[in-house]
Amino acid sequence: MRAVRISPSRDVLRAGLTLTPHHDAPVIPPSAMRVLDATVNRTTRSGVVLDPDQCLSVFEGLKTLTTWAAYQCFEEREKGSLVPGKGADLTVLAADPLQAPPWELHRIEVVETLKEGR
């Protein structure tokens, strides 16, 4: 199955690069938590794990959605991490993804989002 080698995230990090994940919107509705789940667990909807050696930690998965995403867009000086002087858009989650079992990531609900103070 060729899909096993899709998005070889761990190999990218081993090569000293950063990465950002992707999703198939508009084929399926976008969901950052599903993207995080796929980056960390690499499990298909039918339960097949695609090359477990390519899985990232939850912390690394969060970086793909925040600091590394800002870097990829040349916006790391303005966003991507919470430091004085940067924009502070936030997502409030129902649970801490760093404390949750990795296989439960896609079930963590987004409670609220704050964009530009609203």
PDB file of N, CA and C in Angstrom:
ATOM      1  N   MET A   1       0.844  -1.167   0.000  1.00  0.00           N
ATOM      2  CA  MET A   1       0.000   0.000   0.000  1.00  0.00           C
ATOM      3  C   MET A   1       0.897   1.241   0.000  1.00  0.00           C
ATOM      4  N   ARG A   2       0.777   2.072  -1.045  1.00  0.00           N
ATOM      5  CA  ARG A   2       1.603   3.270  -1.173  1.00  0.00           C
ATOM      6  C   ARG A   2       1.302   4.322  -0.116  1.00  0.00           C
ATOM      7  N   ALA A   3       0.099   4.328   0.435  1.00  0.00           N
ATOM      8  CA  ALA A   3      -0.284   5.333   1.422  1.00  0.00           C
ATOM      9  C   ALA A   3       0.568   5.263   2.688  1.00  0.00           C
ATOM     10  N   VAL A   4       1.196   4.134   2.939  1.00  0.00           N
ATOM     11  CA  VAL A   4       2.015   3.980   4.139  1.00  0.00           C
ATOM     12  C   VAL A   4       3.089   5.065   4.203  1.00  0.00           C
ATOM     13  N   ARG A   5       3.613   5.491   3.075  1.00  0.00           N
ATOM     14  CA  ARG A   5       4.694   6.484   3.049  1.00  0.00           C
ATOM     15  C   ARG A   5       4.198   7.921   2.911  1.00  0.00           C
ATOM     16  N   ILE A   6       2.883   8.139   2.961  1.00  0.00           N
ATOM     17  CA  ILE A   6       2.377   9.500   2.832  1.00  0.00           C
ATOM     18  C   ILE A   6       2.844  10.343   4.020  1.00  0.00           C
ATOM     19  N   SER A   7       3.217  11.552   3.763  1.00  0.00           N
ATOM     20  CA  SER A   7       3.615  12.513   4.803  1.00  0.00           C
ATOM     21  C   SER A   7       4.608  11.916   5.798  1.00  0.00           C
ATOM     22  N   PRO A   8       5.826  11.621   5.363  1.00  0.00           N
ATOM     23  CA  PRO A   8       6.822  11.019   6.261  1.00  0.00           C
ATOM     24  C   PRO A   8       7.377  12.041   7.256  1.00  0.00           C
ATOM     25  N   SER A   9       6.551  12.404   8.216  1.00  0.00           N
ATOM     26  CA  SER A   9       6.837  13.507   9.136  1.00  0.00           C
ATOM     27  C   SER A   9       8.120  13.313   9.937  1.00  0.00           C
ATOM     28  N   ARG A  10       8.320  12.154  10.499  1.00  0.00           N
ATOM     29  CA  ARG A  10       9.513  11.911  11.314  1.00  0.00           C
ATOM     30  C   ARG A  10      10.776  12.043  10.464  1.00  0.00           C
ATOM     31  N   ASP A  11      10.737  11.544   9.231  1.00  0.00           N
ATOM     32  CA  ASP A  11      11.894  11.677   8.341  1.00  0.00           C
ATOM     33  C   ASP A  11      12.197  13.145   8.054  1.00  0.00           C
ATOM     34  N   VAL A  12      11.161  13.951   7.917  1.00  0.00           N
ATOM     35  CA  VAL A  12      11.351  15.386   7.679  1.00  0.00           C
ATOM     36  C   VAL A  12      12.075  16.014   8.870  1.00  0.00           C
ATOM     37  N   LEU A  13      11.647  15.685  10.081  1.00  0.00           N
ATOM     38  CA  LEU A  13      12.311  16.228  11.269  1.00  0.00           C
ATOM     39  C   LEU A  13      13.737  15.718  11.395  1.00  0.00           C
ATOM     40  N   ARG A  14      13.943  14.453  11.088  1.00  0.00           N
ATOM     41  CA  ARG A  14      15.304  13.891  11.141  1.00  0.00           C
ATOM     42  C   ARG A  14      16.232  14.602  10.169  1.00  0.00           C
ATOM     43  N   ALA A  15      15.689  15.098   9.084  1.00  0.00           N
ATOM     44  CA  ALA A  15      16.478  15.826   8.088  1.00  0.00           C
ATOM     45  C   ALA A  15      16.755  17.266   8.521  1.00  0.00           C
ATOM     46  N   GLY A  16      16.229  17.655   9.690  1.00  0.00           N
ATOM     47  CA  GLY A  16      16.471  18.992  10.213  1.00  0.00           C
ATOM     48  C   GLY A  16      15.522  20.052   9.690  1.00  0.00           C
ATOM     49  N   LEU A  17      14.408  19.621   9.104  1.00  0.00           N
ATOM     50  CA  LEU A  17      13.425  20.544   8.560  1.00  0.00           C
ATOM     51  C   LEU A  17      12.224  20.651   9.490  1.00  0.00           C
ATOM     52  N   THR A  18      11.399  21.647   9.261  1.00  0.00           N
ATOM     53  CA  THR A  18      10.120  21.733   9.946  1.00  0.00           C
ATOM     54  C   THR A  18       9.032  21.384   8.946  1.00  0.00           C
ATOM     55  N   LEU A  19       7.834  21.162   9.442  1.00  0.00           N
ATOM     56  CA  LEU A  19       6.749  20.783   8.551  1.00  0.00           C
ATOM     57  C   LEU A  19       5.429  21.295   9.074  1.00  0.00           C
ATOM     58  N   THR A  20       4.473  21.324   8.197  1.00  0.00           N
ATOM     59  CA  THR A  20       3.097  21.601   8.574  1.00  0.00           C
ATOM     60  C   THR A  20       2.240  20.487   8.001  1.00  0.00           C
ATOM     61  N   PRO A  21       1.145  20.165   8.675  1.00  0.00           N
ATOM     62  CA  PRO A  21       0.268  19.096   8.186  1.00  0.00           C
ATOM     63  C   PRO A  21      -0.694  19.628   7.136  1.00  0.00           C
ATOM     64  N   HIS A  22      -1.467  18.737   6.586  1.00  0.00           N
ATOM     65  CA  HIS A  22      -2.466  19.118   5.593  1.00  0.00           C
ATOM     66  C   HIS A  22      -3.750  18.338   5.857  1.00  0.00           C
ATOM     67  N   HIS A  23      -4.812  18.769   5.197  1.00  0.00           N
ATOM     68  CA  HIS A  23      -6.071  18.032   5.281  1.00  0.00           C
ATOM     69  C   HIS A  23      -6.745  18.084   3.924  1.00  0.00           C
ATOM     70  N   ASP A  24      -7.828  17.378   3.776  1.00  0.00           N
ATOM     71  CA  ASP A  24      -8.472  17.231   2.472  1.00  0.00           C
ATOM     72  C   ASP A  24      -9.720  18.081   2.312  1.00  0.00           C
ATOM     73  N   ALA A  25      -9.808  19.215   3.010  1.00  0.00           N
ATOM     74  CA  ALA A  25     -10.949  20.104   2.769  1.00  0.00           C
ATOM     75  C   ALA A  25     -10.843  20.608   1.326  1.00  0.00           C
ATOM     76  N   PRO A  26     -11.897  20.731   0.598  1.00  0.00           N
ATOM     77  CA  PRO A  26     -13.289  20.631   0.991  1.00  0.00           C
ATOM     78  C   PRO A  26     -13.897  19.228   0.854  1.00  0.00           C
ATOM     79  N   VAL A  27     -13.076  18.207   0.672  1.00  0.00           N
ATOM     80  CA  VAL A  27     -13.608  16.848   0.603  1.00  0.00           C
ATOM     81  C   VAL A  27     -14.243  16.462   1.939  1.00  0.00           C
ATOM     82  N   ILE A  28     -13.582  16.832   3.023  1.00  0.00           N
ATOM     83  CA  ILE A  28     -14.124  16.652   4.368  1.00  0.00           C
ATOM     84  C   ILE A  28     -14.015  17.996   5.083  1.00  0.00           C
ATOM     85  N   PRO A  29     -14.868  18.268   6.067  1.00  0.00           N
ATOM     86  CA  PRO A  29     -14.784  19.541   6.787  1.00  0.00           C
ATOM     87  C   PRO A  29     -13.446  19.669   7.520  1.00  0.00           C
ATOM     88  N   PRO A  30     -12.827  20.857   7.516  1.00  0.00           N
ATOM     89  CA  PRO A  30     -11.563  21.018   8.225  1.00  0.00           C
ATOM     90  C   PRO A  30     -11.744  20.914   9.736  1.00  0.00           C
ATOM     91  N   SER A  31     -10.802  20.281  10.384  1.00  0.00           N
ATOM     92  CA  SER A  31     -10.813  20.138  11.832  1.00  0.00           C
ATOM     93  C   SER A  31      -9.366  20.062  12.302  1.00  0.00           C
ATOM     94  N   ALA A  32      -8.923  21.089  13.011  1.00  0.00           N
ATOM     95  CA  ALA A  32      -7.545  21.110  13.489  1.00  0.00           C
ATOM     96  C   ALA A  32      -7.246  19.919  14.400  1.00  0.00           C
ATOM     97  N   MET A  33      -8.224  19.496  15.182  1.00  0.00           N
ATOM     98  CA  MET A  33      -7.990  18.365  16.081  1.00  0.00           C
ATOM     99  C   MET A  33      -7.855  17.055  15.304  1.00  0.00           C
ATOM    100  N   ARG A  34      -8.581  16.917  14.210  1.00  0.00           N
ATOM    101  CA  ARG A  34      -8.409  15.727  13.352  1.00  0.00           C
ATOM    102  C   ARG A  34      -7.045  15.751  12.677  1.00  0.00           C
ATOM    103  N   VAL A  35      -6.604  16.949  12.280  1.00  0.00           N
ATOM    104  CA  VAL A  35      -5.282  17.077  11.662  1.00  0.00           C
ATOM    105  C   VAL A  35      -4.206  16.715  12.684  1.00  0.00           C
ATOM    106  N   LEU A  36      -4.347  17.220  13.911  1.00  0.00           N
ATOM    107  CA  LEU A  36      -3.395  16.876  14.969  1.00  0.00           C
ATOM    108  C   LEU A  36      -3.391  15.367  15.201  1.00  0.00           C
ATOM    109  N   ASP A  37      -4.569  14.769  15.287  1.00  0.00           N
ATOM    110  CA  ASP A  37      -4.692  13.327  15.481  1.00  0.00           C
ATOM    111  C   ASP A  37      -3.976  12.553  14.364  1.00  0.00           C
ATOM    112  N   ALA A  38      -4.172  12.980  13.137  1.00  0.00           N
ATOM    113  CA  ALA A  38      -3.542  12.287  12.006  1.00  0.00           C
ATOM    114  C   ALA A  38      -2.026  12.434  12.041  1.00  0.00           C
ATOM    115  N   THR A  39      -1.543  13.587  12.457  1.00  0.00           N
ATOM    116  CA  THR A  39      -0.106  13.834  12.532  1.00  0.00           C
ATOM    117  C   THR A  39       0.540  12.990  13.622  1.00  0.00           C
ATOM    118  N   VAL A  40      -0.150  12.834  14.728  1.00  0.00           N
ATOM    119  CA  VAL A  40       0.383  12.093  15.874  1.00  0.00           C
ATOM    120  C   VAL A  40       0.182  10.587  15.716  1.00  0.00           C
ATOM    121  N   ASN A  41      -1.002  10.175  15.291  1.00  0.00           N
ATOM    122  CA  ASN A  41      -1.346   8.749  15.288  1.00  0.00           C
ATOM    123  C   ASN A  41      -1.242   8.062  13.935  1.00  0.00           C
ATOM    124  N   ARG A  42      -1.401   8.827  12.856  1.00  0.00           N
ATOM    125  CA  ARG A  42      -1.315   8.289  11.498  1.00  0.00           C
ATOM    126  C   ARG A  42      -2.269   7.097  11.287  1.00  0.00           C
ATOM    127  N   THR A  43      -3.432   7.185  11.875  1.00  0.00           N
ATOM    128  CA  THR A  43      -4.410   6.106  11.788  1.00  0.00           C
ATOM    129  C   THR A  43      -5.484   6.468  10.775  1.00  0.00           C
ATOM    130  N   THR A  44      -5.770   5.547   9.865  1.00  0.00           N
ATOM    131  CA  THR A  44      -6.830   5.764   8.894  1.00  0.00           C
ATOM    132  C   THR A  44      -8.186   5.584   9.566  1.00  0.00           C
ATOM    133  N   ARG A  45      -9.230   6.011   8.898  1.00  0.00           N
ATOM    134  CA  ARG A  45     -10.575   5.837   9.464  1.00  0.00           C
ATOM    135  C   ARG A  45     -10.924   4.366   9.656  1.00  0.00           C
ATOM    136  N   SER A  46     -10.265   3.477   8.919  1.00  0.00           N
ATOM    137  CA  SER A  46     -10.523   2.046   9.088  1.00  0.00           C
ATOM    138  C   SER A  46      -9.619   1.422  10.161  1.00  0.00           C
ATOM    139  N   GLY A  47      -8.776   2.241  10.813  1.00  0.00           N
ATOM    140  CA  GLY A  47      -7.968   1.751  11.922  1.00  0.00           C
ATOM    141  C   GLY A  47      -6.566   1.302  11.572  1.00  0.00           C
ATOM    142  N   VAL A  48      -6.151   1.456  10.330  1.00  0.00           N
ATOM    143  CA  VAL A  48      -4.805   1.062   9.922  1.00  0.00           C
ATOM    144  C   VAL A  48      -3.826   2.178  10.286  1.00  0.00           C
ATOM    145  N   VAL A  49      -2.719   1.833  10.952  1.00  0.00           N
ATOM    146  CA  VAL A  49      -1.675   2.814  11.263  1.00  0.00           C
ATOM    147  C   VAL A  49      -0.695   2.832  10.101  1.00  0.00           C
ATOM    148  N   LEU A  50      -0.545   4.011   9.511  1.00  0.00           N
ATOM    149  CA  LEU A  50       0.352   4.165   8.373  1.00  0.00           C
ATOM    150  C   LEU A  50       1.759   4.479   8.865  1.00  0.00           C
ATOM    151  N   ASP A  51       2.658   3.515   8.814  1.00  0.00           N
ATOM    152  CA  ASP A  51       4.054   3.644   9.201  1.00  0.00           C
ATOM    153  C   ASP A  51       4.218   4.333  10.556  1.00  0.00           C
ATOM    154  N   PRO A  52       4.058   3.592  11.640  1.00  0.00           N
ATOM    155  CA  PRO A  52       4.152   4.166  12.982  1.00  0.00           C
ATOM    156  C   PRO A  52       5.489   4.854  13.259  1.00  0.00           C
ATOM    157  N   ASP A  53       6.540   4.521  12.525  1.00  0.00           N
ATOM    158  CA  ASP A  53       7.828   5.188  12.710  1.00  0.00           C
ATOM    159  C   ASP A  53       7.782   6.656  12.306  1.00  0.00           C
ATOM    160  N   GLN A  54       6.736   7.064  11.615  1.00  0.00           N
ATOM    161  CA  GLN A  54       6.603   8.441  11.160  1.00  0.00           C
ATOM    162  C   GLN A  54       5.721   9.290  12.080  1.00  0.00           C
ATOM    163  N   CYS A  55       5.181   8.683  13.132  1.00  0.00           N
ATOM    164  CA  CYS A  55       4.328   9.426  14.074  1.00  0.00           C
ATOM    165  C   CYS A  55       5.131  10.500  14.794  1.00  0.00           C
ATOM    166  N   LEU A  56       4.479  11.621  15.084  1.00  0.00           N
ATOM    167  CA  LEU A  56       5.090  12.677  15.875  1.00  0.00           C
ATOM    168  C   LEU A  56       4.504  12.664  17.282  1.00  0.00           C
ATOM    169  N   SER A  57       5.206  13.269  18.208  1.00  0.00           N
ATOM    170  CA  SER A  57       4.664  13.426  19.563  1.00  0.00           C
ATOM    171  C   SER A  57       3.543  14.467  19.500  1.00  0.00           C
ATOM    172  N   VAL A  58       2.726  14.517  20.524  1.00  0.00           N
ATOM    173  CA  VAL A  58       1.657  15.520  20.576  1.00  0.00           C
ATOM    174  C   VAL A  58       2.280  16.918  20.570  1.00  0.00           C
ATOM    175  N   PHE A  59       3.351  17.119  21.316  1.00  0.00           N
ATOM    176  CA  PHE A  59       4.017  18.425  21.342  1.00  0.00           C
ATOM    177  C   PHE A  59       4.496  18.818  19.950  1.00  0.00           C
ATOM    178  N   GLU A  60       5.136  17.898  19.248  1.00  0.00           N
ATOM    179  CA  GLU A  60       5.576  18.189  17.880  1.00  0.00           C
ATOM    180  C   GLU A  60       4.381  18.464  16.979  1.00  0.00           C
ATOM    181  N   GLY A  61       3.310  17.690  17.148  1.00  0.00           N
ATOM    182  CA  GLY A  61       2.108  17.909  16.349  1.00  0.00           C
ATOM    183  C   GLY A  61       1.530  19.294  16.562  1.00  0.00           C
ATOM    184  N   LEU A  62       1.532  19.766  17.814  1.00  0.00           N
ATOM    185  CA  LEU A  62       1.052  21.123  18.100  1.00  0.00           C
ATOM    186  C   LEU A  62       1.951  22.167  17.454  1.00  0.00           C
ATOM    187  N   LYS A  63       3.248  21.912  17.420  1.00  0.00           N
ATOM    188  CA  LYS A  63       4.162  22.851  16.766  1.00  0.00           C
ATOM    189  C   LYS A  63       3.885  22.935  15.260  1.00  0.00           C
ATOM    190  N   THR A  64       3.473  21.819  14.650  1.00  0.00           N
ATOM    191  CA  THR A  64       3.178  21.867  13.209  1.00  0.00           C
ATOM    192  C   THR A  64       2.015  22.804  12.918  1.00  0.00           C
ATOM    193  N   LEU A  65       1.133  22.978  13.897  1.00  0.00           N
ATOM    194  CA  LEU A  65      -0.046  23.828  13.720  1.00  0.00           C
ATOM    195  C   LEU A  65       0.174  25.263  14.197  1.00  0.00           C
ATOM    196  N   THR A  66       1.294  25.530  14.852  1.00  0.00           N
ATOM    197  CA  THR A  66       1.502  26.852  15.455  1.00  0.00           C
ATOM    198  C   THR A  66       2.814  27.463  14.975  1.00  0.00           C
ATOM    199  N   THR A  67       3.891  27.230  15.708  1.00  0.00           N
ATOM    200  CA  THR A  67       5.151  27.901  15.394  1.00  0.00           C
ATOM    201  C   THR A  67       5.698  27.531  14.025  1.00  0.00           C
ATOM    202  N   TRP A  68       5.631  26.264  13.668  1.00  0.00           N
ATOM    203  CA  TRP A  68       6.162  25.870  12.362  1.00  0.00           C
ATOM    204  C   TRP A  68       5.282  26.374  11.221  1.00  0.00           C
ATOM    205  N   ALA A  69       3.977  26.438  11.448  1.00  0.00           N
ATOM    206  CA  ALA A  69       3.083  26.984  10.424  1.00  0.00           C
ATOM    207  C   ALA A  69       3.372  28.468  10.198  1.00  0.00           C
ATOM    208  N   ALA A  70       3.593  29.214  11.275  1.00  0.00           N
ATOM    209  CA  ALA A  70       3.931  30.638  11.132  1.00  0.00           C
ATOM    210  C   ALA A  70       5.256  30.791  10.384  1.00  0.00           C
ATOM    211  N   TYR A  71       6.231  29.958  10.714  1.00  0.00           N
ATOM    212  CA  TYR A  71       7.528  29.998  10.038  1.00  0.00           C
ATOM    213  C   TYR A  71       7.372  29.729   8.539  1.00  0.00           C
ATOM    214  N   GLN A  72       6.563  28.727   8.199  1.00  0.00           N
ATOM    215  CA  GLN A  72       6.378  28.365   6.794  1.00  0.00           C
ATOM    216  C   GLN A  72       5.769  29.517   5.994  1.00  0.00           C
ATOM    217  N   CYS A  73       4.967  30.348   6.662  1.00  0.00           N
ATOM    218  CA  CYS A  73       4.319  31.487   5.994  1.00  0.00           C
ATOM    219  C   CYS A  73       5.119  32.778   6.165  1.00  0.00           C
ATOM    220  N   PHE A  74       6.353  32.677   6.674  1.00  0.00           N
ATOM    221  CA  PHE A  74       7.203  33.851   6.921  1.00  0.00           C
ATOM    222  C   PHE A  74       6.540  34.836   7.887  1.00  0.00           C
ATOM    223  N   GLU A  75       5.780  34.309   8.857  1.00  0.00           N
ATOM    224  CA  GLU A  75       5.074  35.149   9.823  1.00  0.00           C
ATOM    225  C   GLU A  75       5.498  34.856  11.260  1.00  0.00           C
ATOM    226  N   GLU A  76       6.651  34.237  11.439  1.00  0.00           N
ATOM    227  CA  GLU A  76       7.073  33.841  12.784  1.00  0.00           C
ATOM    228  C   GLU A  76       7.349  35.032  13.698  1.00  0.00           C
ATOM    229  N   ARG A  77       7.563  36.218  13.151  1.00  0.00           N
ATOM    230  CA  ARG A  77       7.773  37.398  13.992  1.00  0.00           C
ATOM    231  C   ARG A  77       6.456  37.970  14.508  1.00  0.00           C
ATOM    232  N   GLU A  78       5.352  37.636  13.831  1.00  0.00           N
ATOM    233  CA  GLU A  78       4.047  38.183  14.193  1.00  0.00           C
ATOM    234  C   GLU A  78       3.126  37.191  14.892  1.00  0.00           C
ATOM    235  N   LYS A  79       3.338  35.904  14.665  1.00  0.00           N
ATOM    236  CA  LYS A  79       2.409  34.914  15.207  1.00  0.00           C
ATOM    237  C   LYS A  79       3.078  33.562  15.374  1.00  0.00           C
ATOM    238  N   GLY A  80       2.339  32.617  15.922  1.00  0.00           N
ATOM    239  CA  GLY A  80       2.830  31.247  16.049  1.00  0.00           C
ATOM    240  C   GLY A  80       3.206  30.833  17.455  1.00  0.00           C
ATOM    241  N   SER A  81       3.528  31.806  18.308  1.00  0.00           N
ATOM    242  CA  SER A  81       3.857  31.504  19.698  1.00  0.00           C
ATOM    243  C   SER A  81       3.382  32.662  20.565  1.00  0.00           C
ATOM    244  N   LEU A  82       3.214  32.373  21.839  1.00  0.00           N
ATOM    245  CA  LEU A  82       2.728  33.393  22.769  1.00  0.00           C
ATOM    246  C   LEU A  82       3.905  34.086  23.445  1.00  0.00           C
ATOM    247  N   VAL A  83       4.302  35.200  22.860  1.00  0.00           N
ATOM    248  CA  VAL A  83       5.363  36.038  23.421  1.00  0.00           C
ATOM    249  C   VAL A  83       4.948  37.495  23.254  1.00  0.00           C
ATOM    250  N   PRO A  84       5.440  38.376  24.119  1.00  0.00           N
ATOM    251  CA  PRO A  84       5.079  39.793  24.001  1.00  0.00           C
ATOM    252  C   PRO A  84       5.374  40.337  22.600  1.00  0.00           C
ATOM    253  N   GLY A  85       4.426  41.085  22.079  1.00  0.00           N
ATOM    254  CA  GLY A  85       4.589  41.713  20.775  1.00  0.00           C
ATOM    255  C   GLY A  85       3.973  40.950  19.620  1.00  0.00           C
ATOM    256  N   LYS A  86       3.610  39.700  19.832  1.00  0.00           N
ATOM    257  CA  LYS A  86       2.986  38.915  18.765  1.00  0.00           C
ATOM    258  C   LYS A  86       1.471  38.918  18.934  1.00  0.00           C
ATOM    259  N   GLY A  87       0.765  38.646  17.841  1.00  0.00           N
ATOM    260  CA  GLY A  87      -0.675  38.458  17.915  1.00  0.00           C
ATOM    261  C   GLY A  87      -0.987  37.269  18.809  1.00  0.00           C
ATOM    262  N   ALA A  88      -2.075  37.354  19.534  1.00  0.00           N
ATOM    263  CA  ALA A  88      -2.387  36.300  20.497  1.00  0.00           C
ATOM    264  C   ALA A  88      -3.744  35.665  20.188  1.00  0.00           C
ATOM    265  N   ASP A  89      -3.931  35.202  18.959  1.00  0.00           N
ATOM    266  CA  ASP A  89      -5.134  34.451  18.643  1.00  0.00           C
ATOM    267  C   ASP A  89      -5.050  33.127  19.407  1.00  0.00           C
ATOM    268  N   LEU A  90      -6.163  32.711  19.995  1.00  0.00           N
ATOM    269  CA  LEU A  90      -6.158  31.525  20.851  1.00  0.00           C
ATOM    270  C   LEU A  90      -7.302  30.585  20.517  1.00  0.00           C
ATOM    271  N   THR A  91      -7.083  29.329  20.802  1.00  0.00           N
ATOM    272  CA  THR A  91      -8.136  28.325  20.751  1.00  0.00           C
ATOM    273  C   THR A  91      -8.239  27.708  22.138  1.00  0.00           C
ATOM    274  N   VAL A  92      -9.436  27.714  22.691  1.00  0.00           N
ATOM    275  CA  VAL A  92      -9.674  27.118  24.005  1.00  0.00           C
ATOM    276  C   VAL A  92     -10.229  25.718  23.766  1.00  0.00           C
ATOM    277  N   LEU A  93      -9.557  24.725  24.324  1.00  0.00           N
ATOM    278  CA  LEU A  93      -9.959  23.335  24.146  1.00  0.00           C
ATOM    279  C   LEU A  93     -10.599  22.790  25.413  1.00  0.00           C
ATOM    280  N   ALA A  94     -11.422  21.769  25.268  1.00  0.00           N
ATOM    281  CA  ALA A  94     -12.097  21.139  26.400  1.00  0.00           C
ATOM    282  C   ALA A  94     -11.144  20.292  27.243  1.00  0.00           C
ATOM    283  N   ALA A  95      -9.993  19.948  26.703  1.00  0.00           N
ATOM    284  CA  ALA A  95      -9.010  19.136  27.426  1.00  0.00           C
ATOM    285  C   ALA A  95      -7.620  19.513  26.932  1.00  0.00           C
ATOM    286  N   ASP A  96      -6.625  19.206  27.735  1.00  0.00           N
ATOM    287  CA  ASP A  96      -5.232  19.482  27.390  1.00  0.00           C
ATOM    288  C   ASP A  96      -4.717  18.362  26.479  1.00  0.00           C
ATOM    289  N   PRO A  97      -4.401  18.664  25.227  1.00  0.00           N
ATOM    290  CA  PRO A  97      -3.926  17.597  24.332  1.00  0.00           C
ATOM    291  C   PRO A  97      -2.615  16.959  24.795  1.00  0.00           C
ATOM    292  N   LEU A  98      -1.825  17.686  25.574  1.00  0.00           N
ATOM    293  CA  LEU A  98      -0.573  17.117  26.075  1.00  0.00           C
ATOM    294  C   LEU A  98      -0.799  16.113  27.196  1.00  0.00           C
ATOM    295  N   GLN A  99      -1.975  16.154  27.816  1.00  0.00           N
ATOM    296  CA  GLN A  99      -2.308  15.232  28.907  1.00  0.00           C
ATOM    297  C   GLN A  99      -3.269  14.131  28.463  1.00  0.00           C
ATOM    298  N   ALA A 100      -3.933  14.326  27.348  1.00  0.00           N
ATOM    299  CA  ALA A 100      -4.920  13.350  26.865  1.00  0.00           C
ATOM    300  C   ALA A 100      -4.225  12.160  26.222  1.00  0.00           C
ATOM    301  N   PRO A 101      -4.855  10.996  26.242  1.00  0.00           N
ATOM    302  CA  PRO A 101      -4.301   9.865  25.485  1.00  0.00           C
ATOM    303  C   PRO A 101      -4.267  10.239  24.001  1.00  0.00           C
ATOM    304  N   PRO A 102      -3.172   9.981  23.315  1.00  0.00           N
ATOM    305  CA  PRO A 102      -3.059  10.390  21.909  1.00  0.00           C
ATOM    306  C   PRO A 102      -4.210   9.908  21.025  1.00  0.00           C
ATOM    307  N   TRP A 103      -4.732   8.715  21.299  1.00  0.00           N
ATOM    308  CA  TRP A 103      -5.810   8.185  20.467  1.00  0.00           C
ATOM    309  C   TRP A 103      -7.139   8.917  20.693  1.00  0.00           C
ATOM    310  N   GLU A 104      -7.189   9.814  21.677  1.00  0.00           N
ATOM    311  CA  GLU A 104      -8.405  10.584  21.963  1.00  0.00           C
ATOM    312  C   GLU A 104      -8.333  12.017  21.408  1.00  0.00           C
ATOM    313  N   LEU A 105      -7.244  12.399  20.775  1.00  0.00           N
ATOM    314  CA  LEU A 105      -7.069  13.779  20.316  1.00  0.00           C
ATOM    315  C   LEU A 105      -8.229  14.278  19.461  1.00  0.00           C
ATOM    316  N   HIS A 106      -8.692  13.453  18.534  1.00  0.00           N
ATOM    317  CA  HIS A 106      -9.752  13.907  17.634  1.00  0.00           C
ATOM    318  C   HIS A 106     -11.083  14.140  18.360  1.00  0.00           C
ATOM    319  N   ARG A 107     -11.192  13.673  19.597  1.00  0.00           N
ATOM    320  CA  ARG A 107     -12.428  13.860  20.367  1.00  0.00           C
ATOM    321  C   ARG A 107     -12.411  15.130  21.231  1.00  0.00           C
ATOM    322  N   ILE A 108     -11.255  15.773  21.333  1.00  0.00           N
ATOM    323  CA  ILE A 108     -11.176  17.001  22.135  1.00  0.00           C
ATOM    324  C   ILE A 108     -11.931  18.102  21.391  1.00  0.00           C
ATOM    325  N   GLU A 109     -12.879  18.701  22.090  1.00  0.00           N
ATOM    326  CA  GLU A 109     -13.711  19.728  21.470  1.00  0.00           C
ATOM    327  C   GLU A 109     -13.077  21.105  21.581  1.00  0.00           C
ATOM    328  N   VAL A 110     -13.282  21.901  20.545  1.00  0.00           N
ATOM    329  CA  VAL A 110     -12.902  23.309  20.574  1.00  0.00           C
ATOM    330  C   VAL A 110     -14.037  24.045  21.282  1.00  0.00           C
ATOM    331  N   VAL A 111     -13.729  24.680  22.400  1.00  0.00           N
ATOM    332  CA  VAL A 111     -14.735  25.385  23.199  1.00  0.00           C
ATOM    333  C   VAL A 111     -14.940  26.795  22.648  1.00  0.00           C
ATOM    334  N   GLU A 112     -13.845  27.450  22.302  1.00  0.00           N
ATOM    335  CA  GLU A 112     -13.939  28.840  21.852  1.00  0.00           C
ATOM    336  C   GLU A 112     -12.679  29.196  21.080  1.00  0.00           C
ATOM    337  N   THR A 113     -12.800  30.129  20.161  1.00  0.00           N
ATOM    338  CA  THR A 113     -11.644  30.683  19.495  1.00  0.00           C
ATOM    339  C   THR A 113     -11.671  32.200  19.654  1.00  0.00           C
ATOM    340  N   LEU A 114     -10.485  32.765  19.821  1.00  0.00           N
ATOM    341  CA  LEU A 114     -10.337  34.212  19.955  1.00  0.00           C
ATOM    342  C   LEU A 114      -9.417  34.681  18.839  1.00  0.00           C
ATOM    343  N   LYS A 115      -9.916  35.575  18.006  1.00  0.00           N
ATOM    344  CA  LYS A 115      -9.149  36.094  16.875  1.00  0.00           C
ATOM    345  C   LYS A 115      -9.150  37.614  16.972  1.00  0.00           C
ATOM    346  N   GLU A 116      -7.950  38.170  17.056  1.00  0.00           N
ATOM    347  CA  GLU A 116      -7.796  39.622  17.138  1.00  0.00           C
ATOM    348  C   GLU A 116      -8.647  40.217  18.270  1.00  0.00           C
ATOM    349  N   GLY A 117      -8.635  39.523  19.417  1.00  0.00           N
ATOM    350  CA  GLY A 117      -9.332  40.010  20.597  1.00  0.00           C
ATOM    351  C   GLY A 117     -10.817  39.777  20.637  1.00  0.00           C
ATOM    352  N   ARG A 118     -11.373  39.069  19.662  1.00  0.00           N
ATOM    353  CA  ARG A 118     -12.817  38.852  19.619  1.00  0.00           C
ATOM    354  C   ARG A 118     -13.138  37.372  19.559  1.00  0.00           C
TER     355      ARG A 118
END
